[in-house]
N, C-alpha and C. Protein backbone atom coordinates (compact mmCIF):
# COMPACT_ATOMS: atom_id res chain seq x y z
N MET A 1 -114.34 30.50 62.74
CA MET A 1 -113.32 31.46 62.30
C MET A 1 -112.24 31.58 63.34
N PRO A 2 -110.98 31.79 62.89
CA PRO A 2 -109.90 31.90 63.87
C PRO A 2 -110.06 33.16 64.70
N LYS A 3 -109.52 33.07 65.95
CA LYS A 3 -109.62 34.21 66.84
C LYS A 3 -108.41 35.15 66.68
N HIS A 4 -107.40 34.74 66.03
CA HIS A 4 -106.18 35.53 65.97
C HIS A 4 -105.93 36.00 64.52
N PRO A 5 -105.02 37.00 64.35
CA PRO A 5 -104.71 37.45 63.00
C PRO A 5 -104.30 36.24 62.14
N SER A 6 -104.74 36.29 60.89
CA SER A 6 -104.47 35.17 59.96
C SER A 6 -104.26 35.68 58.56
N THR A 7 -103.98 34.81 57.64
CA THR A 7 -103.87 35.17 56.26
C THR A 7 -105.16 34.98 55.53
N ASP A 8 -106.19 34.36 56.14
CA ASP A 8 -107.50 34.21 55.52
C ASP A 8 -108.16 35.60 55.42
N PHE A 9 -109.05 35.74 54.48
CA PHE A 9 -109.74 37.03 54.30
C PHE A 9 -111.22 36.88 54.56
N PRO A 10 -111.84 37.88 55.11
CA PRO A 10 -111.16 38.99 55.71
C PRO A 10 -110.35 38.58 56.90
N ARG A 11 -109.31 39.27 57.17
CA ARG A 11 -108.41 38.91 58.26
C ARG A 11 -108.23 40.12 59.17
N ILE A 12 -107.69 39.88 60.34
CA ILE A 12 -107.38 40.92 61.29
C ILE A 12 -105.88 41.10 61.34
N ARG A 13 -105.45 42.37 61.30
CA ARG A 13 -104.04 42.67 61.44
C ARG A 13 -103.90 43.96 62.29
N ALA A 14 -102.67 44.25 62.69
CA ALA A 14 -102.40 45.46 63.41
C ALA A 14 -102.67 46.68 62.55
N PHE A 15 -103.20 47.73 63.15
CA PHE A 15 -103.43 49.00 62.47
C PHE A 15 -102.10 49.55 61.98
N GLN A 16 -102.16 50.17 60.80
CA GLN A 16 -101.00 50.90 60.23
C GLN A 16 -101.47 52.32 59.96
N ASP A 17 -100.55 53.30 60.06
CA ASP A 17 -100.93 54.69 59.86
C ASP A 17 -101.69 54.93 58.56
N ARG A 18 -101.38 54.16 57.52
CA ARG A 18 -102.06 54.35 56.25
C ARG A 18 -103.53 53.93 56.29
N ASP A 19 -103.94 53.26 57.37
CA ASP A 19 -105.35 52.84 57.52
C ASP A 19 -106.22 53.95 58.10
N LEU A 20 -105.63 55.02 58.58
CA LEU A 20 -106.34 56.02 59.36
C LEU A 20 -107.58 56.59 58.67
N ASP A 21 -107.42 57.09 57.45
CA ASP A 21 -108.54 57.71 56.75
C ASP A 21 -109.72 56.70 56.55
N ALA A 22 -109.37 55.50 56.19
CA ALA A 22 -110.41 54.46 55.98
C ALA A 22 -111.11 54.12 57.29
N VAL A 23 -110.33 54.05 58.37
CA VAL A 23 -110.91 53.71 59.69
C VAL A 23 -111.84 54.83 60.14
N VAL A 24 -111.41 56.08 59.97
CA VAL A 24 -112.26 57.24 60.33
C VAL A 24 -113.57 57.18 59.54
N GLU A 25 -113.42 56.96 58.23
CA GLU A 25 -114.61 56.95 57.35
C GLU A 25 -115.57 55.82 57.75
N LEU A 26 -115.07 54.63 57.94
CA LEU A 26 -115.97 53.52 58.29
C LEU A 26 -116.61 53.72 59.66
N SER A 27 -115.88 54.33 60.57
CA SER A 27 -116.45 54.57 61.90
C SER A 27 -117.61 55.55 61.83
N LEU A 28 -117.49 56.59 61.01
CA LEU A 28 -118.58 57.56 60.90
C LEU A 28 -119.82 56.89 60.25
N LEU A 29 -119.61 56.04 59.30
CA LEU A 29 -120.73 55.33 58.67
C LEU A 29 -121.36 54.34 59.68
N ALA A 30 -120.51 53.63 60.39
CA ALA A 30 -121.01 52.64 61.33
C ALA A 30 -121.78 53.28 62.49
N TRP A 31 -121.28 54.42 62.97
CA TRP A 31 -121.84 55.03 64.17
C TRP A 31 -122.94 56.04 63.85
N GLU A 32 -123.24 56.31 62.63
CA GLU A 32 -124.30 57.26 62.31
C GLU A 32 -125.64 56.89 62.99
N PRO A 33 -126.11 55.64 62.94
CA PRO A 33 -127.36 55.31 63.61
C PRO A 33 -127.28 55.55 65.15
N VAL A 34 -126.09 55.35 65.70
CA VAL A 34 -125.93 55.60 67.14
C VAL A 34 -126.10 57.08 67.45
N PHE A 35 -125.51 57.94 66.64
CA PHE A 35 -125.64 59.37 66.92
C PHE A 35 -127.02 59.88 66.61
N VAL A 36 -127.74 59.33 65.65
CA VAL A 36 -129.14 59.64 65.43
C VAL A 36 -129.94 59.27 66.66
N SER A 37 -129.69 58.07 67.19
CA SER A 37 -130.36 57.61 68.41
C SER A 37 -130.07 58.52 69.58
N PHE A 38 -128.80 58.90 69.76
CA PHE A 38 -128.42 59.81 70.85
C PHE A 38 -129.20 61.12 70.75
N GLU A 39 -129.26 61.70 69.56
CA GLU A 39 -129.97 62.96 69.41
C GLU A 39 -131.45 62.78 69.72
N ASN A 40 -132.03 61.67 69.34
CA ASN A 40 -133.45 61.40 69.66
C ASN A 40 -133.67 61.29 71.14
N VAL A 41 -132.72 60.67 71.84
CA VAL A 41 -132.84 60.48 73.31
C VAL A 41 -132.55 61.79 74.04
N LEU A 42 -131.47 62.47 73.64
CA LEU A 42 -131.00 63.62 74.41
C LEU A 42 -131.71 64.92 74.06
N GLY A 43 -132.21 65.02 72.84
CA GLY A 43 -132.74 66.27 72.36
C GLY A 43 -131.61 67.09 71.75
N THR A 44 -131.98 68.00 70.85
CA THR A 44 -130.99 68.74 70.09
C THR A 44 -130.10 69.64 70.91
N ILE A 45 -130.61 70.29 71.93
CA ILE A 45 -129.78 71.20 72.74
C ILE A 45 -128.64 70.46 73.42
N ILE A 46 -128.95 69.40 74.14
CA ILE A 46 -127.91 68.64 74.82
C ILE A 46 -126.98 67.95 73.77
N PHE A 47 -127.54 67.36 72.78
CA PHE A 47 -126.74 66.67 71.75
C PHE A 47 -125.74 67.64 71.14
N ASP A 48 -126.24 68.80 70.68
CA ASP A 48 -125.36 69.76 70.02
C ASP A 48 -124.25 70.24 71.00
N HIS A 49 -124.59 70.41 72.27
CA HIS A 49 -123.59 70.82 73.25
C HIS A 49 -122.47 69.75 73.40
N MET A 50 -122.88 68.49 73.42
CA MET A 50 -121.93 67.40 73.61
C MET A 50 -121.03 67.15 72.42
N TYR A 51 -121.54 67.38 71.21
CA TYR A 51 -120.81 67.01 70.00
C TYR A 51 -120.57 68.22 69.13
N ARG A 52 -119.89 69.23 69.65
CA ARG A 52 -119.57 70.41 68.90
C ARG A 52 -118.30 70.19 68.08
N PRO A 53 -118.13 70.76 66.91
CA PRO A 53 -119.13 71.53 66.19
C PRO A 53 -120.20 70.66 65.59
N ASP A 54 -119.92 69.40 65.35
CA ASP A 54 -120.88 68.44 64.90
C ASP A 54 -120.35 67.05 65.28
N TRP A 55 -121.23 66.07 65.34
CA TRP A 55 -120.78 64.76 65.82
C TRP A 55 -119.72 64.13 64.91
N GLN A 56 -119.83 64.34 63.59
CA GLN A 56 -118.86 63.75 62.67
C GLN A 56 -117.42 64.26 62.95
N THR A 57 -117.33 65.57 63.13
CA THR A 57 -116.01 66.18 63.42
C THR A 57 -115.49 65.67 64.76
N ALA A 58 -116.36 65.68 65.77
CA ALA A 58 -115.95 65.28 67.11
C ALA A 58 -115.55 63.83 67.11
N GLN A 59 -116.26 62.97 66.42
CA GLN A 59 -115.98 61.57 66.42
C GLN A 59 -114.73 61.26 65.59
N ALA A 60 -114.58 61.93 64.46
CA ALA A 60 -113.37 61.70 63.64
C ALA A 60 -112.13 62.08 64.44
N THR A 61 -112.21 63.18 65.20
CA THR A 61 -111.07 63.60 66.01
C THR A 61 -110.75 62.53 67.08
N ALA A 62 -111.80 62.01 67.70
CA ALA A 62 -111.59 60.96 68.73
C ALA A 62 -111.00 59.70 68.13
N VAL A 63 -111.49 59.28 66.98
CA VAL A 63 -110.95 58.06 66.32
C VAL A 63 -109.46 58.28 65.97
N ARG A 64 -109.17 59.40 65.36
CA ARG A 64 -107.76 59.68 64.99
C ARG A 64 -106.88 59.63 66.24
N ALA A 65 -107.30 60.32 67.30
CA ALA A 65 -106.50 60.36 68.51
C ALA A 65 -106.30 58.99 69.12
N ASN A 66 -107.36 58.18 69.18
CA ASN A 66 -107.24 56.85 69.78
C ASN A 66 -106.41 55.92 68.93
N CYS A 67 -106.59 55.95 67.62
CA CYS A 67 -105.80 55.08 66.76
C CYS A 67 -104.31 55.41 66.78
N LEU A 68 -103.98 56.67 66.95
CA LEU A 68 -102.56 57.10 66.92
C LEU A 68 -101.96 57.19 68.31
N ASN A 69 -102.69 56.93 69.33
CA ASN A 69 -102.16 56.97 70.67
C ASN A 69 -101.22 55.81 70.89
N GLU A 70 -100.01 56.14 71.35
CA GLU A 70 -99.03 55.09 71.53
C GLU A 70 -99.33 54.16 72.74
N ASP A 71 -100.31 54.53 73.52
CA ASP A 71 -100.70 53.69 74.65
C ASP A 71 -101.84 52.71 74.26
N THR A 72 -102.27 52.71 73.01
CA THR A 72 -103.32 51.81 72.62
C THR A 72 -102.77 50.79 71.61
N GLU A 73 -103.55 49.71 71.48
CA GLU A 73 -103.30 48.74 70.40
C GLU A 73 -104.56 48.81 69.51
N THR A 74 -104.36 48.98 68.22
CA THR A 74 -105.50 49.06 67.33
C THR A 74 -105.34 47.94 66.30
N TYR A 75 -106.46 47.29 66.04
CA TYR A 75 -106.52 46.17 65.04
C TYR A 75 -107.55 46.50 64.03
N VAL A 76 -107.33 46.07 62.80
CA VAL A 76 -108.30 46.29 61.72
C VAL A 76 -108.64 44.98 61.06
N VAL A 77 -109.90 44.88 60.65
CA VAL A 77 -110.36 43.77 59.78
C VAL A 77 -110.15 44.28 58.36
N VAL A 78 -109.44 43.53 57.52
CA VAL A 78 -109.15 43.97 56.18
C VAL A 78 -109.63 42.91 55.16
N THR A 79 -109.96 43.43 53.96
CA THR A 79 -110.35 42.57 52.85
C THR A 79 -109.10 42.01 52.16
N GLU A 80 -109.31 41.18 51.15
CA GLU A 80 -108.15 40.68 50.42
C GLU A 80 -107.36 41.80 49.71
N HIS A 81 -107.93 42.96 49.55
CA HIS A 81 -107.25 44.11 48.96
C HIS A 81 -106.64 45.00 50.04
N ASP A 82 -106.59 44.50 51.25
CA ASP A 82 -106.03 45.22 52.41
C ASP A 82 -106.81 46.47 52.75
N GLN A 83 -108.10 46.48 52.43
CA GLN A 83 -108.96 47.62 52.76
C GLN A 83 -109.61 47.40 54.10
N PRO A 84 -109.38 48.33 55.10
CA PRO A 84 -110.01 48.17 56.38
C PRO A 84 -111.54 48.25 56.30
N VAL A 85 -112.22 47.32 56.94
CA VAL A 85 -113.69 47.32 57.01
C VAL A 85 -114.18 47.27 58.45
N GLY A 86 -113.27 47.20 59.40
CA GLY A 86 -113.63 47.23 60.80
C GLY A 86 -112.36 47.50 61.59
N PHE A 87 -112.56 47.93 62.88
CA PHE A 87 -111.41 48.17 63.71
C PHE A 87 -111.84 48.09 65.19
N ALA A 88 -110.82 47.94 66.03
CA ALA A 88 -110.99 47.98 67.49
C ALA A 88 -109.76 48.63 68.09
N VAL A 89 -109.99 49.48 69.07
CA VAL A 89 -108.90 50.15 69.81
C VAL A 89 -108.92 49.55 71.22
N LEU A 90 -107.76 49.08 71.66
CA LEU A 90 -107.62 48.44 72.97
C LEU A 90 -106.67 49.25 73.87
N LEU A 91 -107.08 49.34 75.14
CA LEU A 91 -106.28 50.00 76.16
C LEU A 91 -106.09 49.00 77.29
N GLN A 92 -105.03 49.15 78.03
CA GLN A 92 -104.91 48.31 79.22
C GLN A 92 -104.45 49.15 80.39
N ASP A 93 -105.00 48.80 81.55
CA ASP A 93 -104.68 49.41 82.83
C ASP A 93 -104.05 48.32 83.66
N GLN A 94 -102.73 48.22 83.61
CA GLN A 94 -102.02 47.16 84.33
C GLN A 94 -102.21 47.32 85.84
N ALA A 95 -102.26 48.55 86.34
CA ALA A 95 -102.44 48.77 87.76
C ALA A 95 -103.75 48.19 88.27
N GLU A 96 -104.81 48.28 87.49
CA GLU A 96 -106.10 47.75 87.90
C GLU A 96 -106.35 46.36 87.28
N SER A 97 -105.46 45.89 86.42
CA SER A 97 -105.55 44.61 85.74
C SER A 97 -106.82 44.51 84.91
N VAL A 98 -107.07 45.60 84.12
CA VAL A 98 -108.25 45.70 83.32
C VAL A 98 -107.84 46.05 81.87
N GLY A 99 -108.38 45.31 80.93
CA GLY A 99 -108.27 45.66 79.52
C GLY A 99 -109.54 46.29 79.06
N VAL A 100 -109.46 47.35 78.25
CA VAL A 100 -110.60 48.08 77.79
C VAL A 100 -110.72 48.08 76.30
N VAL A 101 -111.85 47.68 75.75
CA VAL A 101 -112.12 47.83 74.33
C VAL A 101 -112.70 49.27 74.25
N ASP A 102 -111.86 50.17 73.81
CA ASP A 102 -112.23 51.59 73.84
C ASP A 102 -113.11 51.99 72.66
N MET A 103 -112.88 51.43 71.51
CA MET A 103 -113.69 51.70 70.30
C MET A 103 -113.77 50.41 69.48
N ILE A 104 -114.87 50.24 68.85
CA ILE A 104 -115.04 49.14 67.90
C ILE A 104 -116.11 49.50 66.90
N ALA A 105 -115.85 49.24 65.66
CA ALA A 105 -116.84 49.53 64.62
C ALA A 105 -116.57 48.68 63.37
N VAL A 106 -117.62 48.41 62.62
CA VAL A 106 -117.51 47.68 61.36
C VAL A 106 -118.32 48.48 60.34
N HIS A 107 -117.78 48.67 59.15
CA HIS A 107 -118.48 49.35 58.05
C HIS A 107 -119.84 48.71 57.85
N PRO A 108 -120.88 49.52 57.66
CA PRO A 108 -122.25 48.93 57.51
C PRO A 108 -122.38 47.89 56.44
N ASP A 109 -121.62 48.00 55.33
CA ASP A 109 -121.69 46.98 54.28
C ASP A 109 -121.04 45.66 54.70
N HIS A 110 -120.34 45.66 55.80
CA HIS A 110 -119.66 44.43 56.27
C HIS A 110 -120.16 43.95 57.61
N GLN A 111 -121.22 44.55 58.11
CA GLN A 111 -121.78 44.12 59.39
C GLN A 111 -122.54 42.85 59.21
N ARG A 112 -122.74 42.14 60.35
CA ARG A 112 -123.48 40.89 60.37
C ARG A 112 -122.73 39.74 59.69
N HIS A 113 -121.38 39.87 59.62
CA HIS A 113 -120.58 38.81 59.04
C HIS A 113 -119.60 38.26 60.09
N GLY A 114 -119.72 38.62 61.34
CA GLY A 114 -118.86 38.13 62.39
C GLY A 114 -117.58 38.93 62.64
N HIS A 115 -117.38 40.01 61.92
CA HIS A 115 -116.13 40.78 62.07
C HIS A 115 -115.99 41.41 63.49
N ALA A 116 -117.06 41.99 63.97
CA ALA A 116 -117.02 42.61 65.32
C ALA A 116 -116.80 41.51 66.37
N ARG A 117 -117.44 40.40 66.18
CA ARG A 117 -117.23 39.32 67.14
C ARG A 117 -115.76 38.87 67.10
N ARG A 118 -115.17 38.73 65.94
CA ARG A 118 -113.76 38.33 65.84
C ARG A 118 -112.85 39.37 66.48
N LEU A 119 -113.18 40.66 66.33
CA LEU A 119 -112.39 41.70 67.00
C LEU A 119 -112.53 41.61 68.51
N MET A 120 -113.73 41.38 69.00
CA MET A 120 -113.92 41.22 70.44
C MET A 120 -113.18 39.97 70.97
N GLU A 121 -113.25 38.86 70.26
CA GLU A 121 -112.55 37.68 70.70
C GLU A 121 -111.03 37.92 70.70
N LEU A 122 -110.52 38.65 69.69
CA LEU A 122 -109.08 38.97 69.70
C LEU A 122 -108.74 39.81 70.91
N ALA A 123 -109.56 40.82 71.22
CA ALA A 123 -109.32 41.68 72.38
C ALA A 123 -109.28 40.84 73.66
N ILE A 124 -110.29 40.00 73.84
CA ILE A 124 -110.34 39.17 75.05
C ILE A 124 -109.09 38.29 75.16
N ASP A 125 -108.70 37.64 74.06
CA ASP A 125 -107.51 36.81 74.04
C ASP A 125 -106.26 37.62 74.36
N ARG A 126 -106.12 38.79 73.77
CA ARG A 126 -104.97 39.64 74.01
C ARG A 126 -104.87 40.03 75.49
N PHE A 127 -106.00 40.49 76.04
CA PHE A 127 -105.96 40.93 77.44
C PHE A 127 -105.71 39.78 78.39
N HIS A 128 -106.40 38.65 78.18
CA HIS A 128 -106.16 37.51 79.05
C HIS A 128 -104.77 36.95 78.88
N GLY A 129 -104.26 36.99 77.65
CA GLY A 129 -102.89 36.58 77.40
C GLY A 129 -101.85 37.45 78.07
N GLN A 130 -102.21 38.69 78.36
CA GLN A 130 -101.33 39.61 79.06
C GLN A 130 -101.54 39.54 80.58
N GLY A 131 -102.36 38.60 81.01
CA GLY A 131 -102.54 38.38 82.42
C GLY A 131 -103.53 39.32 83.11
N LEU A 132 -104.32 40.04 82.32
CA LEU A 132 -105.27 40.97 82.93
C LEU A 132 -106.47 40.19 83.44
N ASP A 133 -107.01 40.66 84.57
CA ASP A 133 -108.11 39.92 85.22
C ASP A 133 -109.45 40.23 84.62
N LEU A 134 -109.69 41.42 84.12
CA LEU A 134 -110.97 41.86 83.60
C LEU A 134 -110.86 42.46 82.23
N VAL A 135 -111.91 42.36 81.47
CA VAL A 135 -112.04 43.07 80.21
C VAL A 135 -113.30 43.91 80.28
N ASN A 136 -113.18 45.15 79.87
CA ASN A 136 -114.31 46.12 79.96
C ASN A 136 -114.59 46.67 78.58
N VAL A 137 -115.90 46.88 78.36
CA VAL A 137 -116.36 47.60 77.15
C VAL A 137 -117.60 48.36 77.60
N ALA A 138 -117.70 49.60 77.19
CA ALA A 138 -118.87 50.42 77.57
C ALA A 138 -119.66 50.76 76.32
N THR A 139 -120.97 50.90 76.47
CA THR A 139 -121.84 51.28 75.35
C THR A 139 -123.07 51.95 75.88
N GLY A 140 -123.83 52.52 74.99
CA GLY A 140 -125.04 53.22 75.39
C GLY A 140 -126.19 52.26 75.61
N GLY A 141 -127.18 52.72 76.36
CA GLY A 141 -128.39 51.97 76.62
C GLY A 141 -129.51 52.33 75.66
N ASP A 142 -129.21 53.20 74.70
CA ASP A 142 -130.18 53.71 73.75
C ASP A 142 -130.42 52.64 72.64
N PRO A 143 -131.50 52.83 71.88
CA PRO A 143 -131.78 51.85 70.80
C PRO A 143 -130.65 51.71 69.76
N GLY A 144 -129.90 52.77 69.51
CA GLY A 144 -128.82 52.71 68.51
C GLY A 144 -127.70 51.78 68.94
N HIS A 145 -127.55 51.53 70.20
CA HIS A 145 -126.50 50.65 70.67
C HIS A 145 -126.96 49.20 70.92
N ALA A 146 -128.20 48.89 70.58
CA ALA A 146 -128.70 47.53 70.80
C ALA A 146 -127.84 46.44 70.17
N PRO A 147 -127.36 46.62 68.88
CA PRO A 147 -126.49 45.59 68.32
C PRO A 147 -125.18 45.42 69.08
N ALA A 148 -124.61 46.51 69.55
CA ALA A 148 -123.39 46.42 70.37
C ALA A 148 -123.63 45.62 71.66
N ARG A 149 -124.71 45.95 72.35
CA ARG A 149 -125.02 45.25 73.57
C ARG A 149 -125.22 43.74 73.30
N ALA A 150 -125.89 43.42 72.22
CA ALA A 150 -126.09 42.02 71.87
C ALA A 150 -124.77 41.29 71.64
N LEU A 151 -123.85 41.98 70.95
CA LEU A 151 -122.53 41.35 70.71
C LEU A 151 -121.81 41.10 72.02
N TYR A 152 -121.77 42.13 72.85
CA TYR A 152 -120.99 41.98 74.10
C TYR A 152 -121.55 40.88 74.98
N GLU A 153 -122.88 40.80 75.05
CA GLU A 153 -123.48 39.73 75.81
C GLU A 153 -123.22 38.37 75.18
N ALA A 154 -123.20 38.31 73.87
CA ALA A 154 -122.98 37.06 73.15
C ALA A 154 -121.58 36.49 73.40
N VAL A 155 -120.60 37.37 73.64
CA VAL A 155 -119.25 36.88 73.90
C VAL A 155 -118.94 36.79 75.38
N GLY A 156 -119.98 36.96 76.22
CA GLY A 156 -119.85 36.68 77.64
C GLY A 156 -119.76 37.83 78.60
N PHE A 157 -119.89 39.07 78.12
CA PHE A 157 -119.86 40.23 79.04
C PHE A 157 -121.13 40.30 79.84
N THR A 158 -121.03 40.81 81.05
CA THR A 158 -122.18 41.09 81.89
C THR A 158 -122.39 42.59 81.91
N GLY A 159 -123.60 43.05 81.55
CA GLY A 159 -123.89 44.45 81.56
C GLY A 159 -124.23 44.95 82.92
N LEU A 160 -123.78 46.15 83.23
CA LEU A 160 -124.10 46.80 84.50
C LEU A 160 -125.02 47.97 84.19
N PRO A 161 -126.24 47.95 84.74
CA PRO A 161 -127.16 49.05 84.42
C PRO A 161 -126.69 50.34 85.11
N LEU A 162 -126.34 51.32 84.29
CA LEU A 162 -125.93 52.63 84.76
C LEU A 162 -126.81 53.67 84.07
N LYS A 163 -126.98 54.78 84.72
CA LYS A 163 -127.72 55.87 84.14
C LYS A 163 -126.85 57.09 84.20
N THR A 164 -126.87 57.84 83.11
CA THR A 164 -126.20 59.18 83.06
C THR A 164 -127.30 60.16 82.73
N TYR A 165 -127.37 61.21 83.49
CA TYR A 165 -128.44 62.20 83.32
C TYR A 165 -127.82 63.49 82.88
N TYR A 166 -128.53 64.23 82.03
CA TYR A 166 -128.16 65.56 81.57
C TYR A 166 -129.35 66.52 81.72
N LEU A 167 -129.06 67.75 82.00
CA LEU A 167 -130.08 68.77 82.04
C LEU A 167 -129.52 69.98 81.34
N ALA A 168 -130.21 70.43 80.31
CA ALA A 168 -129.73 71.60 79.58
C ALA A 168 -130.01 72.84 80.46
N GLY A 169 -129.01 73.72 80.46
CA GLY A 169 -129.16 74.98 81.19
C GLY A 169 -129.94 76.01 80.41
N PRO A 170 -130.13 77.16 81.00
CA PRO A 170 -130.88 78.19 80.30
C PRO A 170 -130.08 78.64 79.04
N PRO A 171 -130.75 79.06 78.00
CA PRO A 171 -130.04 79.52 76.80
C PRO A 171 -129.14 80.68 77.15
N ARG A 172 -128.02 80.76 76.47
CA ARG A 172 -127.07 81.88 76.72
C ARG A 172 -127.34 83.00 75.79
């Protein structure tokens, strides 16, 4: 499959404002298993504190903000009917010469068809084409993120084992 936007379907094109609702919706569907996994790992008290008022609202807000941020580049995978079924949000830090894949998701009905891989390859090509030295993507170490980790490793990323710890305080 080609690494760059094309006229073949599904194809990748630049995000348009009219894509926003579909991108938010597909992201919530795609990331639901991740948030279930987070809650299982963190426990309800910490999870609820991190994702107030609920994870869907918090994540929808984050997706909207990232897609509409003028400092990002967002790409969508679309069907022949121009319906978004996947997306990736890219950031670049020219001072550090690092490109960041900030968000990436594919609708569950369209997963396992190479769309996320094509989005990652596009991101890598864009960043390297802009002369950036490194490309970064972060993900969780929980079971819900296992498919993401497999993808990143498959396209050549090296994972760095990090741990983030949380401790819930006394009830208020």
